[in-house]
Amino acid sequence: MTPHLSRNDSLATLCDESTPLLYGHPHDEIEAQKSTRIPSSPLPKRQLAALCATRLVDPVAFTQVFPYINEFLASLHLTDNPSQIGFYSGVESSFAVTQLCSIYHWARLSDIVGRRPVIIGGAAGLAVSTLFFGVSTNFLEILISRCIAGIFSGTAAVLLSALGEITDSTNQAQAFPIFGLFWPLGSIIGPLIGGAFANPADHFSNIIGSEYLRKFPYFLPCFVSGLIALVAVIAAYAYLEETLPSKRQLNCESSNETISDSNTHLHPDTMIASESERILTMYELFSYPTIRDLSISGCALSFVATAFDVVFVLFCYTSISAGGLGFSASQIGYSLAVAGSISASIQLLFLPHLLRTFNNAKLYDFCNCLWLLAFACLPILNLIARNDTGLLPAATARALVWLGVALVLGVSRIGCLAYSISMVLVKENTPNLASLGATNGLVQFAMCSSRSISPAFVSSTFAWSLGYNLLGGHMWVIIMVGMSVVSCVFSRRVAQHASSGDKGFSQMIPT
């Protein structure tokens, strides 16, 4: 074995008659740094695919009911007044509320029993609860099935923990953007399943078992969604290995596997947690400045991002004279499709390079601050659409409106990159490896809490502003810009912690 050399001993050994006279020149130091750079670890493709498949289950199960939920509730004759169906369709909030209540507890449980059983159990629970929803015959059964689905969907934070444990700092720039793509993808697939397979006996009279499907006209979309969940369960069972460091350590010990320190290099991101590390409580985690600011900024990010998605549709639907764009349903759908395409392209083509090139915390702060611009630009689109002065030809004004819509949606999709960057920052700043699941659970809990109230808040604010003509109907813009400023304040604090070297792993664990 090569003896350990101090810096001076190493220089003395290396500097002999054969040493170049310009040794130590800055150029040589740069070359030396390049030669010692840690090579990129290969992506664990099978495990990543299993996690992505499982990630797809949650948005599919959540959104596949949207196209037919009102029709389903109306068929139960809950009220004689069709306008009151909207009150019962609020049953979907039960999914979000139970997910919010369970997400941190699933994360804590995964820190104890392991990631793999929680992930597999969550996907299996979603499959069963979705099938139960399809055969529900009254409102109580619908409510119970959606609550159960929400509980099992709370394993989302565990997926993030497993992703952080199968990757390291050399390959996470590739893995996290790919993983982040599957939520919006599931949000697209879910409504397509619900719209295409609801009432199949009426649309496809030659389907086998049409009598059963007439009795349960919404079973088929639930069956297809449940089948996706079942495929994810099989993929996770077959390809996903246990990633929790303490469980991996026990597996190694039970297999009598010994690792020699002299010829084995463990990457700092994937080192096994020591036995002295314990799972921190929510209060202890929140006492860390970086984790606290990531949680609060994540809450604000989720609030403004969800609010933008809701208010953009309202803004497009509202007539031009009332302060909107007066788009038809097809035009709104086209706009959202463009937004989805922009999001997917940025996630896959640009985010990996951005993560490798720029400081992650500063990139997170930049993306958060873009929401201020996205909200502030919406009234400008209305001014262009009005074209009150008549300076622009009608065709030119319409073209400028669509160009503006594309630019605003592009800004908002870049702002959404903050979600993926947040996953990286949580991993980098977790106080100890044993608490990775709990930390992800805390941040996801904060995000889910604001996501559950944001739609009602922004839609009410929008209606209130237009109804009372406050600031020309644009008072909602001022309020949402103010909320975006709050998000920027806390994301800026995350960037400041990174600049000062305030990292979670280097902090002392509270006692």
Protein backbone atom coordinates (compact mmCIF):
# COMPACT_ATOMS: atom_id res chain seq x y z
CA MET A 1 0.00 0.00 0.00
CA THR A 2 1.29 3.47 -0.82
CA PRO A 3 2.24 5.33 2.39
CA HIS A 4 0.35 8.52 3.18
CA LEU A 5 2.35 11.60 2.20
CA SER A 6 1.94 15.08 3.52
CA ARG A 7 1.71 17.97 1.08
CA ASN A 8 5.41 18.88 1.56
CA ASP A 9 6.56 15.25 1.36
CA SER A 10 4.57 14.79 -1.81
CA LEU A 11 6.20 17.84 -3.42
CA ALA A 12 9.64 16.71 -2.37
CA THR A 13 9.06 13.28 -3.83
CA LEU A 14 7.66 14.59 -7.08
CA CYS A 15 10.20 17.38 -7.63
CA ASP A 16 13.36 15.74 -8.94
CA GLU A 17 15.58 16.10 -11.98
CA SER A 18 12.81 14.87 -14.26
CA THR A 19 10.29 17.43 -13.04
CA PRO A 20 9.48 20.19 -15.58
CA LEU A 21 10.78 23.61 -14.61
CA LEU A 22 7.28 25.10 -14.86
CA TYR A 23 5.67 22.54 -12.54
CA GLY A 24 3.10 24.32 -10.42
CA HIS A 25 2.14 26.71 -13.22
CA PRO A 26 -1.60 27.53 -13.09
CA HIS A 27 -2.11 25.65 -16.36
CA ASP A 28 -0.70 22.50 -14.75
CA GLU A 29 -2.95 22.97 -11.73
CA ILE A 30 -6.02 23.24 -13.97
CA GLU A 31 -5.02 20.08 -15.79
CA ALA A 32 -4.47 18.33 -12.48
CA GLN A 33 -7.95 19.35 -11.31
CA LYS A 34 -9.46 18.00 -14.51
CA SER A 35 -7.64 14.70 -14.08
CA THR A 36 -8.90 14.30 -10.49
CA ARG A 37 -12.51 15.19 -11.26
CA ILE A 38 -14.88 12.46 -10.09
CA PRO A 39 -16.28 10.62 -13.13
CA SER A 40 -20.03 10.63 -13.63
CA SER A 41 -21.72 7.58 -12.13
CA PRO A 42 -23.89 5.55 -14.51
CA LEU A 43 -27.62 6.00 -14.02
CA PRO A 44 -29.34 3.03 -12.32
CA LYS A 45 -31.77 2.81 -15.23
CA ARG A 46 -33.97 -0.03 -13.98
CA GLN A 47 -34.47 1.51 -10.56
CA LEU A 48 -35.07 4.94 -12.08
CA ALA A 49 -37.64 3.44 -14.47
CA ALA A 50 -39.41 1.74 -11.56
CA LEU A 51 -39.57 5.02 -9.62
CA CYS A 52 -40.84 6.92 -12.67
CA ALA A 53 -43.54 4.31 -13.30
CA THR A 54 -44.66 4.59 -9.68
CA ARG A 55 -44.60 8.38 -9.87
CA LEU A 56 -46.99 8.20 -12.84
CA VAL A 57 -49.64 6.44 -10.75
CA ASP A 58 -50.47 9.35 -8.44
CA PRO A 59 -51.45 12.01 -11.05
CA VAL A 60 -53.26 9.43 -13.19
CA ALA A 61 -55.37 8.27 -10.22
CA PHE A 62 -56.03 11.87 -9.19
CA THR A 63 -56.97 13.37 -12.58
CA GLN A 64 -58.72 10.50 -14.38
CA VAL A 65 -61.98 11.30 -12.57
CA PHE A 66 -62.11 14.94 -13.68
CA PRO A 67 -63.87 14.43 -17.05
CA TYR A 68 -66.77 12.44 -15.58
CA ILE A 69 -67.02 13.24 -11.85
CA ASN A 70 -69.94 15.67 -12.25
CA GLU A 71 -71.82 13.25 -14.50
CA PHE A 72 -71.11 10.42 -12.03
CA LEU A 73 -72.51 12.44 -9.13
CA ALA A 74 -75.53 13.54 -11.15
CA SER A 75 -76.33 9.89 -11.92
CA LEU A 76 -76.61 9.23 -8.17
CA HIS A 77 -79.50 11.78 -7.93
CA LEU A 78 -77.94 13.54 -4.95
CA THR A 79 -79.90 16.72 -5.69
CA ASP A 80 -82.75 17.83 -7.92
CA ASN A 81 -80.94 21.06 -8.77
CA PRO A 82 -78.14 20.43 -11.31
CA SER A 83 -76.44 23.66 -10.30
CA GLN A 84 -75.79 22.16 -6.85
CA ILE A 85 -73.69 19.29 -8.25
CA GLY A 86 -70.62 21.49 -7.95
CA PHE A 87 -71.02 21.34 -4.17
CA TYR A 88 -70.70 17.56 -4.22
CA SER A 89 -67.91 17.56 -6.81
CA GLY A 90 -65.80 19.09 -4.05
CA VAL A 91 -65.35 15.48 -2.97
CA GLU A 92 -62.08 15.67 -4.91
CA SER A 93 -60.68 17.88 -2.18
CA SER A 94 -60.85 14.83 0.10
CA PHE A 95 -58.07 13.28 -1.99
CA ALA A 96 -55.80 16.29 -1.46
CA VAL A 97 -56.64 16.65 2.25
CA THR A 98 -55.95 13.00 3.13
CA GLN A 99 -52.75 13.10 1.06
CA LEU A 100 -51.68 16.15 3.03
CA CYS A 101 -52.39 14.40 6.34
CA SER A 102 -50.48 11.23 5.41
CA ILE A 103 -47.47 12.43 3.45
CA TYR A 104 -45.17 13.19 6.39
CA HIS A 105 -46.12 9.98 8.23
CA TRP A 106 -45.33 7.83 5.18
CA ALA A 107 -41.95 9.55 4.91
CA ARG A 108 -41.18 8.92 8.58
CA LEU A 109 -42.27 5.29 8.26
CA SER A 110 -39.97 4.80 5.26
CA ASP A 111 -37.04 6.00 7.39
CA ILE A 112 -37.75 3.06 9.70
CA VAL A 113 -38.99 0.13 7.59
CA GLY A 114 -37.36 1.10 4.28
CA ARG A 115 -38.37 2.80 1.04
CA ARG A 116 -39.24 -0.29 -1.01
CA PRO A 117 -42.19 -1.67 1.04
CA VAL A 118 -43.74 1.80 1.42
CA ILE A 119 -43.46 2.54 -2.32
CA ILE A 120 -44.89 -0.83 -3.35
CA GLY A 121 -47.64 -0.62 -0.73
CA GLY A 122 -48.60 2.90 -1.80
CA ALA A 123 -48.96 1.96 -5.47
CA ALA A 124 -50.93 -1.19 -4.57
CA GLY A 125 -53.24 0.83 -2.32
CA LEU A 126 -53.89 3.32 -5.13
CA ALA A 127 -54.75 0.45 -7.50
CA VAL A 128 -57.30 -1.06 -5.11
CA SER A 129 -58.88 2.26 -4.07
CA THR A 130 -59.22 3.35 -7.71
CA LEU A 131 -61.05 0.11 -8.56
CA PHE A 132 -63.27 0.63 -5.51
CA PHE A 133 -64.18 4.09 -6.83
CA GLY A 134 -65.26 2.55 -10.15
CA VAL A 135 -67.82 0.27 -8.48
CA SER A 136 -69.12 2.84 -5.99
CA THR A 137 -72.92 3.16 -5.92
CA ASN A 138 -73.43 6.02 -3.47
CA PHE A 139 -71.77 9.22 -2.32
CA LEU A 140 -70.35 7.71 0.88
CA GLU A 141 -68.52 5.00 -1.07
CA ILE A 142 -67.13 7.62 -3.45
CA LEU A 143 -65.92 9.70 -0.51
CA ILE A 144 -64.29 6.72 1.24
CA SER A 145 -62.55 5.51 -1.93
CA ARG A 146 -61.09 8.96 -2.66
CA CYS A 147 -59.92 9.34 0.94
CA ILE A 148 -58.18 5.95 0.79
CA ALA A 149 -56.59 6.91 -2.53
CA GLY A 150 -55.37 10.16 -1.01
CA ILE A 151 -53.82 8.34 1.94
CA PHE A 152 -51.84 5.98 -0.31
CA SER A 153 -50.81 8.80 -2.64
CA GLY A 154 -48.95 10.31 0.31
CA THR A 155 -45.95 8.13 -0.55
CA ALA A 156 -44.79 10.75 -3.09
CA ALA A 157 -42.14 12.05 -0.68
CA VAL A 158 -40.76 8.53 -0.28
CA LEU A 159 -40.17 8.34 -4.02
CA LEU A 160 -38.06 11.50 -3.80
CA SER A 161 -36.02 9.99 -0.97
CA ALA A 162 -35.38 6.82 -2.95
CA LEU A 163 -34.40 8.88 -5.99
CA GLY A 164 -31.92 10.82 -3.89
CA GLU A 165 -30.40 7.58 -2.59
CA ILE A 166 -29.92 5.88 -5.97
CA THR A 167 -28.19 8.95 -7.41
CA ASP A 168 -25.22 11.10 -6.44
CA SER A 169 -23.99 14.58 -7.30
CA THR A 170 -22.46 13.35 -10.58
CA ASN A 171 -25.67 11.96 -12.14
CA GLN A 172 -28.55 13.67 -10.32
CA ALA A 173 -28.66 16.38 -13.01
CA GLN A 174 -29.83 13.65 -15.41
CA ALA A 175 -32.11 11.70 -13.08
CA PHE A 176 -34.13 14.46 -11.39
CA PRO A 177 -35.40 16.14 -14.60
CA ILE A 178 -36.50 12.77 -16.00
CA PHE A 179 -38.32 11.94 -12.78
CA GLY A 180 -39.87 15.40 -12.61
CA LEU A 181 -41.42 14.93 -16.05
CA PHE A 182 -43.78 12.15 -14.92
CA TRP A 183 -46.13 14.27 -12.82
CA PRO A 184 -47.18 16.53 -15.74
CA LEU A 185 -47.22 13.46 -17.99
CA GLY A 186 -49.61 11.70 -15.62
CA SER A 187 -51.77 14.84 -15.44
CA ILE A 188 -52.17 14.61 -19.22
CA ILE A 189 -52.77 10.84 -19.38
CA GLY A 190 -55.32 10.80 -16.54
CA PRO A 191 -57.98 13.04 -18.13
CA LEU A 192 -57.49 11.27 -21.45
CA ILE A 193 -58.26 7.93 -19.78
CA GLY A 194 -61.29 9.35 -17.99
CA GLY A 195 -62.70 10.96 -21.11
CA ALA A 196 -62.05 8.03 -23.44
CA PHE A 197 -63.30 5.14 -21.28
CA ALA A 198 -66.22 6.61 -19.33
CA ASN A 199 -69.63 5.16 -20.36
CA PRO A 200 -68.04 2.53 -22.65
CA ALA A 201 -71.28 0.60 -23.11
CA ASP A 202 -72.81 3.63 -24.84
CA HIS A 203 -69.78 4.31 -27.00
CA PHE A 204 -68.67 0.74 -27.70
CA SER A 205 -71.79 -1.43 -27.75
CA ASN A 206 -69.89 -4.52 -28.87
CA ILE A 207 -67.63 -4.60 -25.78
CA ILE A 208 -67.65 -7.91 -23.90
CA GLY A 209 -69.42 -7.58 -20.59
CA SER A 210 -71.38 -4.54 -21.67
CA GLU A 211 -74.15 -5.28 -19.12
CA TYR A 212 -71.65 -5.01 -16.28
CA LEU A 213 -70.29 -1.80 -17.78
CA ARG A 214 -73.81 -0.40 -18.06
CA LYS A 215 -74.30 -1.07 -14.35
CA PHE A 216 -70.92 0.51 -13.54
CA PRO A 217 -70.35 3.00 -16.40
CA TYR A 218 -67.23 4.50 -14.78
CA PHE A 219 -65.50 1.24 -13.90
CA LEU A 220 -63.46 0.98 -17.12
CA PRO A 221 -61.43 4.22 -16.68
CA CYS A 222 -60.79 3.19 -13.07
CA PHE A 223 -59.75 -0.28 -14.26
CA VAL A 224 -57.29 1.17 -16.77
CA SER A 225 -55.87 3.50 -14.12
CA GLY A 226 -55.66 0.61 -11.67
CA LEU A 227 -53.89 -1.46 -14.31
CA ILE A 228 -51.24 1.27 -14.64
CA ALA A 229 -50.82 1.17 -10.87
CA LEU A 230 -50.49 -2.62 -10.96
CA VAL A 231 -47.78 -2.40 -13.62
CA ALA A 232 -45.95 0.06 -11.39
CA VAL A 233 -46.22 -2.36 -8.45
CA ILE A 234 -44.73 -5.17 -10.54
CA ALA A 235 -41.95 -2.91 -11.84
CA ALA A 236 -41.09 -1.74 -8.31
CA TYR A 237 -41.14 -5.29 -6.96
CA ALA A 238 -38.94 -6.59 -9.77
CA TYR A 239 -36.42 -3.79 -10.22
CA LEU A 240 -36.46 -1.47 -7.20
CA GLU A 241 -33.91 -2.42 -4.58
CA GLU A 242 -33.99 -1.17 -1.02
CA THR A 243 -32.28 2.23 -0.91
CA LEU A 244 -32.51 3.16 2.78
CA PRO A 245 -28.86 3.28 3.96
CA SER A 246 -29.48 1.51 7.28
CA LYS A 247 -31.34 -1.34 5.54
CA ARG A 248 -28.61 -1.68 2.92
CA GLN A 249 -26.08 -1.92 5.73
CA LEU A 250 -28.06 -4.68 7.43
CA ASN A 251 -28.36 -6.55 4.14
CA CYS A 252 -24.62 -6.36 3.65
CA GLU A 253 -23.98 -7.61 7.17
CA SER A 254 -26.45 -10.48 6.81
CA SER A 255 -24.71 -11.52 3.59
CA ASN A 256 -21.31 -11.42 5.32
CA GLU A 257 -20.08 -8.91 2.79
CA THR A 258 -16.98 -7.06 3.93
CA ILE A 259 -15.65 -3.95 2.22
CA SER A 260 -12.00 -2.99 2.46
CA ASP A 261 -11.40 0.68 3.09
CA SER A 262 -8.10 0.55 1.28
CA ASN A 263 -9.49 -0.29 -2.14
CA THR A 264 -13.10 0.90 -2.02
CA HIS A 265 -14.26 4.47 -2.61
CA LEU A 266 -17.69 5.56 -1.42
CA HIS A 267 -19.10 8.70 -2.94
CA PRO A 268 -20.03 11.21 -0.20
CA ASP A 269 -23.61 11.34 -1.48
CA THR A 270 -24.12 7.60 -1.13
CA MET A 271 -22.28 6.79 2.08
CA ILE A 272 -24.17 4.57 4.48
CA ALA A 273 -25.53 6.39 7.49
CA SER A 274 -23.77 5.72 10.74
CA GLU A 275 -25.60 4.03 13.59
CA SER A 276 -25.28 7.23 15.67
CA GLU A 277 -27.52 9.12 13.24
CA ARG A 278 -31.16 9.20 14.24
CA ILE A 279 -34.35 10.28 12.52
CA LEU A 280 -35.05 13.88 13.42
CA THR A 281 -38.51 15.10 14.37
CA MET A 282 -40.42 17.67 12.34
CA TYR A 283 -39.60 20.33 14.92
CA GLU A 284 -35.88 19.50 14.81
CA LEU A 285 -35.83 19.55 11.02
CA PHE A 286 -37.62 22.89 10.95
CA SER A 287 -34.95 24.33 13.26
CA TYR A 288 -32.40 24.11 10.43
CA PRO A 289 -32.44 27.44 8.54
CA THR A 290 -31.99 25.90 5.09
CA ILE A 291 -34.66 23.23 5.59
CA ARG A 292 -37.01 25.80 7.09
CA ASP A 293 -36.57 28.18 4.16
CA LEU A 294 -36.87 25.33 1.64
CA SER A 295 -40.17 24.34 3.27
CA ILE A 296 -41.56 27.88 3.36
CA SER A 297 -40.37 28.77 -0.14
CA GLY A 298 -41.71 25.44 -1.39
CA CYS A 299 -45.07 26.26 0.16
CA ALA A 300 -45.05 29.66 -1.53
CA LEU A 301 -43.86 28.16 -4.83
CA SER A 302 -46.64 25.59 -4.84
CA PHE A 303 -49.19 28.28 -3.99
CA VAL A 304 -48.25 30.67 -6.80
CA ALA A 305 -47.62 27.93 -9.40
CA THR A 306 -50.98 26.26 -8.73
CA ALA A 307 -52.67 29.67 -8.64
CA PHE A 308 -51.19 30.56 -12.03
CA ASP A 309 -52.51 27.36 -13.63
CA VAL A 310 -55.99 28.09 -12.27
CA VAL A 311 -56.10 31.81 -12.98
CA PHE A 312 -54.62 31.44 -16.47
CA VAL A 313 -57.64 29.37 -17.54
CA LEU A 314 -60.01 31.88 -15.90
CA PHE A 315 -58.17 34.78 -17.53
CA CYS A 316 -58.32 33.16 -20.97
CA TYR A 317 -62.02 32.28 -20.60
CA THR A 318 -63.08 35.75 -19.39
CA SER A 319 -64.22 38.13 -22.12
CA ILE A 320 -61.86 40.83 -23.36
CA SER A 321 -64.15 43.60 -22.13
CA ALA A 322 -64.10 42.11 -18.61
CA GLY A 323 -60.30 41.93 -18.53
CA GLY A 324 -59.50 38.54 -20.08
CA LEU A 325 -58.74 37.16 -23.54
CA GLY A 326 -62.10 35.70 -24.56
CA PHE A 327 -60.63 32.35 -25.69
CA SER A 328 -62.84 29.42 -26.65
CA ALA A 329 -62.46 26.03 -24.92
CA SER A 330 -60.44 24.70 -27.85
CA GLN A 331 -58.11 27.70 -27.78
CA ILE A 332 -57.57 27.24 -24.03
CA GLY A 333 -56.85 23.56 -24.62
CA TYR A 334 -54.37 24.45 -27.33
CA SER A 335 -52.65 26.90 -24.99
CA LEU A 336 -52.34 24.28 -22.26
CA ALA A 337 -50.99 21.76 -24.76
CA VAL A 338 -48.34 24.29 -25.78
CA ALA A 339 -47.49 24.79 -22.09
CA GLY A 340 -47.10 21.03 -21.63
CA SER A 341 -44.83 20.76 -24.65
CA ILE A 342 -42.69 23.66 -23.42
CA SER A 343 -42.44 22.09 -19.96
CA ALA A 344 -41.39 18.68 -21.28
CA SER A 345 -38.79 20.19 -23.62
CA ILE A 346 -37.23 22.33 -20.90
CA GLN A 347 -37.15 19.47 -18.40
CA LEU A 348 -35.41 17.05 -20.76
CA LEU A 349 -33.26 19.29 -22.93
CA PHE A 350 -32.17 22.18 -20.72
CA LEU A 351 -32.53 21.38 -17.02
CA PRO A 352 -29.72 18.74 -16.89
CA HIS A 353 -27.27 21.25 -18.37
CA LEU A 354 -28.48 24.02 -16.06
CA LEU A 355 -28.00 21.83 -12.97
CA ARG A 356 -24.46 20.97 -14.02
CA THR A 357 -23.55 24.56 -14.94
CA PHE A 358 -25.09 26.82 -12.30
CA ASN A 359 -25.35 26.91 -8.53
CA ASN A 360 -28.51 24.98 -7.70
CA ALA A 361 -29.68 27.35 -4.96
CA LYS A 362 -29.25 30.44 -7.14
CA LEU A 363 -31.02 28.67 -10.00
CA TYR A 364 -33.88 27.84 -7.61
CA ASP A 365 -34.10 31.49 -6.59
CA PHE A 366 -34.11 32.65 -10.23
CA CYS A 367 -36.93 30.26 -11.19
CA ASN A 368 -39.01 31.31 -8.17
CA CYS A 369 -38.70 34.99 -9.06
CA LEU A 370 -40.03 34.37 -12.59
CA TRP A 371 -43.56 33.91 -11.21
CA LEU A 372 -43.67 37.62 -10.44
CA LEU A 373 -43.07 38.32 -14.14
CA ALA A 374 -45.60 35.71 -15.27
CA PHE A 375 -48.45 37.27 -13.26
CA ALA A 376 -47.48 40.85 -14.09
CA CYS A 377 -47.57 40.18 -17.85
CA LEU A 378 -51.15 38.87 -18.00
CA PRO A 379 -52.87 42.32 -17.94
CA ILE A 380 -50.60 43.41 -20.79
CA LEU A 381 -52.09 40.64 -22.93
CA ASN A 382 -55.55 42.04 -22.23
CA LEU A 383 -54.41 45.51 -23.32
CA ILE A 384 -53.11 44.09 -26.60
CA ALA A 385 -56.33 42.12 -27.13
CA ARG A 386 -58.44 45.23 -26.51
CA ASN A 387 -56.51 47.27 -29.11
CA ASP A 388 -58.66 50.23 -28.09
CA THR A 389 -56.61 52.77 -30.05
CA GLY A 390 -56.91 50.79 -33.26
CA LEU A 391 -53.24 51.36 -34.04
CA LEU A 392 -52.78 47.68 -34.84
CA PRO A 393 -54.67 45.69 -37.48
CA ALA A 394 -56.90 43.03 -35.92
CA ALA A 395 -54.80 40.18 -37.34
CA THR A 396 -51.61 41.71 -35.96
CA ALA A 397 -53.19 42.16 -32.53
CA ARG A 398 -54.28 38.50 -32.47
CA ALA A 399 -50.81 37.37 -33.49
CA LEU A 400 -49.25 39.49 -30.75
CA VAL A 401 -51.68 38.03 -28.20
CA TRP A 402 -50.70 34.48 -29.13
CA LEU A 403 -47.03 35.41 -29.08
CA GLY A 404 -47.53 36.93 -25.64
CA VAL A 405 -49.38 33.82 -24.44
CA ALA A 406 -46.48 31.64 -25.60
CA LEU A 407 -43.94 33.88 -23.84
CA VAL A 408 -45.91 34.00 -20.58
CA LEU A 409 -46.42 30.24 -20.60
CA GLY A 410 -42.72 29.79 -21.35
CA VAL A 411 -41.82 31.95 -18.35
CA SER A 412 -44.21 29.98 -16.13
CA ARG A 413 -42.80 26.61 -17.27
CA ILE A 414 -39.26 27.82 -16.52
CA GLY A 415 -40.60 28.85 -13.11
CA CYS A 416 -41.87 25.29 -12.65
CA LEU A 417 -38.28 24.04 -12.86
CA ALA A 418 -38.03 25.16 -9.24
CA TYR A 419 -39.91 21.97 -8.28
CA SER A 420 -37.17 19.71 -9.69
CA ILE A 421 -34.40 21.92 -8.31
CA SER A 422 -36.07 21.80 -4.89
CA MET A 423 -35.71 17.99 -4.92
CA VAL A 424 -31.96 18.35 -5.46
CA LEU A 425 -31.62 21.00 -2.74
CA VAL A 426 -33.50 18.89 -0.20
CA LYS A 427 -31.14 16.01 -0.83
CA GLU A 428 -28.07 18.26 -0.58
CA ASN A 429 -29.18 19.94 2.65
CA THR A 430 -30.70 17.07 4.62
CA PRO A 431 -29.19 17.27 8.14
CA ASN A 432 -28.35 13.56 8.13
CA LEU A 433 -28.93 10.61 5.83
CA ALA A 434 -31.21 8.88 8.34
CA SER A 435 -33.66 11.81 8.08
CA LEU A 436 -33.80 12.09 4.27
CA GLY A 437 -37.32 10.66 4.13
CA ALA A 438 -38.59 12.88 6.94
CA THR A 439 -37.03 15.96 5.30
CA ASN A 440 -38.66 15.19 1.96
CA GLY A 441 -41.92 14.59 3.82
CA LEU A 442 -41.72 17.97 5.55
CA VAL A 443 -41.08 19.89 2.30
CA GLN A 444 -43.76 17.95 0.41
CA PHE A 445 -46.20 18.53 3.27
CA ALA A 446 -45.60 22.27 2.95
CA MET A 447 -46.16 22.13 -0.81
CA CYS A 448 -49.33 20.05 -0.55
CA SER A 449 -50.82 22.30 2.12
CA SER A 450 -50.67 25.37 -0.11
CA ARG A 451 -51.75 23.42 -3.18
CA SER A 452 -54.97 22.44 -1.40
CA ILE A 453 -56.05 26.06 -0.73
CA SER A 454 -54.54 27.92 -3.67
CA PRO A 455 -57.26 27.19 -6.31
CA ALA A 456 -60.11 28.38 -4.08
CA PHE A 457 -58.17 31.48 -3.04
CA VAL A 458 -57.14 32.66 -6.49
CA SER A 459 -60.48 31.90 -8.18
CA SER A 460 -62.33 33.80 -5.43
CA THR A 461 -59.87 36.69 -5.66
CA PHE A 462 -60.28 36.79 -9.44
CA ALA A 463 -64.09 36.85 -9.19
CA TRP A 464 -63.98 39.44 -6.42
CA SER A 465 -61.71 41.74 -8.45
CA LEU A 466 -63.91 41.54 -11.54
CA GLY A 467 -67.18 41.71 -9.61
CA TYR A 468 -66.26 44.95 -7.84
CA ASN A 469 -64.09 46.27 -10.70
CA LEU A 470 -61.14 46.81 -8.35
CA LEU A 471 -58.22 48.40 -10.18
CA GLY A 472 -60.07 47.85 -13.42
CA GLY A 473 -60.67 44.21 -12.48
CA HIS A 474 -56.93 43.58 -12.02
CA MET A 475 -56.68 43.62 -8.23
CA TRP A 476 -55.96 39.88 -8.34
CA VAL A 477 -52.75 40.66 -10.25
CA ILE A 478 -51.46 42.89 -7.44
CA ILE A 479 -52.29 40.24 -4.83
CA MET A 480 -50.57 37.43 -6.77
CA VAL A 481 -47.52 39.58 -7.52
CA GLY A 482 -47.33 40.21 -3.77
CA MET A 483 -47.49 36.46 -3.09
CA SER A 484 -44.74 35.94 -5.69
CA VAL A 485 -42.57 38.49 -3.87
CA VAL A 486 -42.99 36.46 -0.66
CA SER A 487 -41.85 33.35 -2.54
CA CYS A 488 -38.82 35.27 -3.84
CA VAL A 489 -37.85 36.42 -0.34
CA PHE A 490 -37.59 32.88 1.01
CA SER A 491 -35.96 31.43 -2.12
CA ARG A 492 -33.37 34.22 -1.87
CA ARG A 493 -32.67 33.10 1.69
CA VAL A 494 -32.04 29.56 0.43
CA ALA A 495 -29.50 30.98 -2.04
CA GLN A 496 -27.87 33.01 0.74
CA HIS A 497 -27.49 29.89 2.89
CA ALA A 498 -25.78 28.16 -0.03
CA SER A 499 -23.43 31.11 -0.58
CA SER A 500 -22.41 31.09 3.09
CA GLY A 501 -21.77 27.34 3.02
CA ASP A 502 -24.62 26.63 5.43
CA LYS A 503 -25.16 22.98 4.41
CA GLY A 504 -27.41 20.54 6.20
CA PHE A 505 -24.81 17.76 6.47
CA SER A 506 -22.33 20.06 8.19
CA GLN A 507 -24.72 21.21 10.90
CA MET A 508 -24.87 19.73 14.37
CA ILE A 509 -27.90 17.56 15.06
CA PRO A 510 -30.18 19.12 17.67
CA THR A 511 -30.51 17.25 20.92
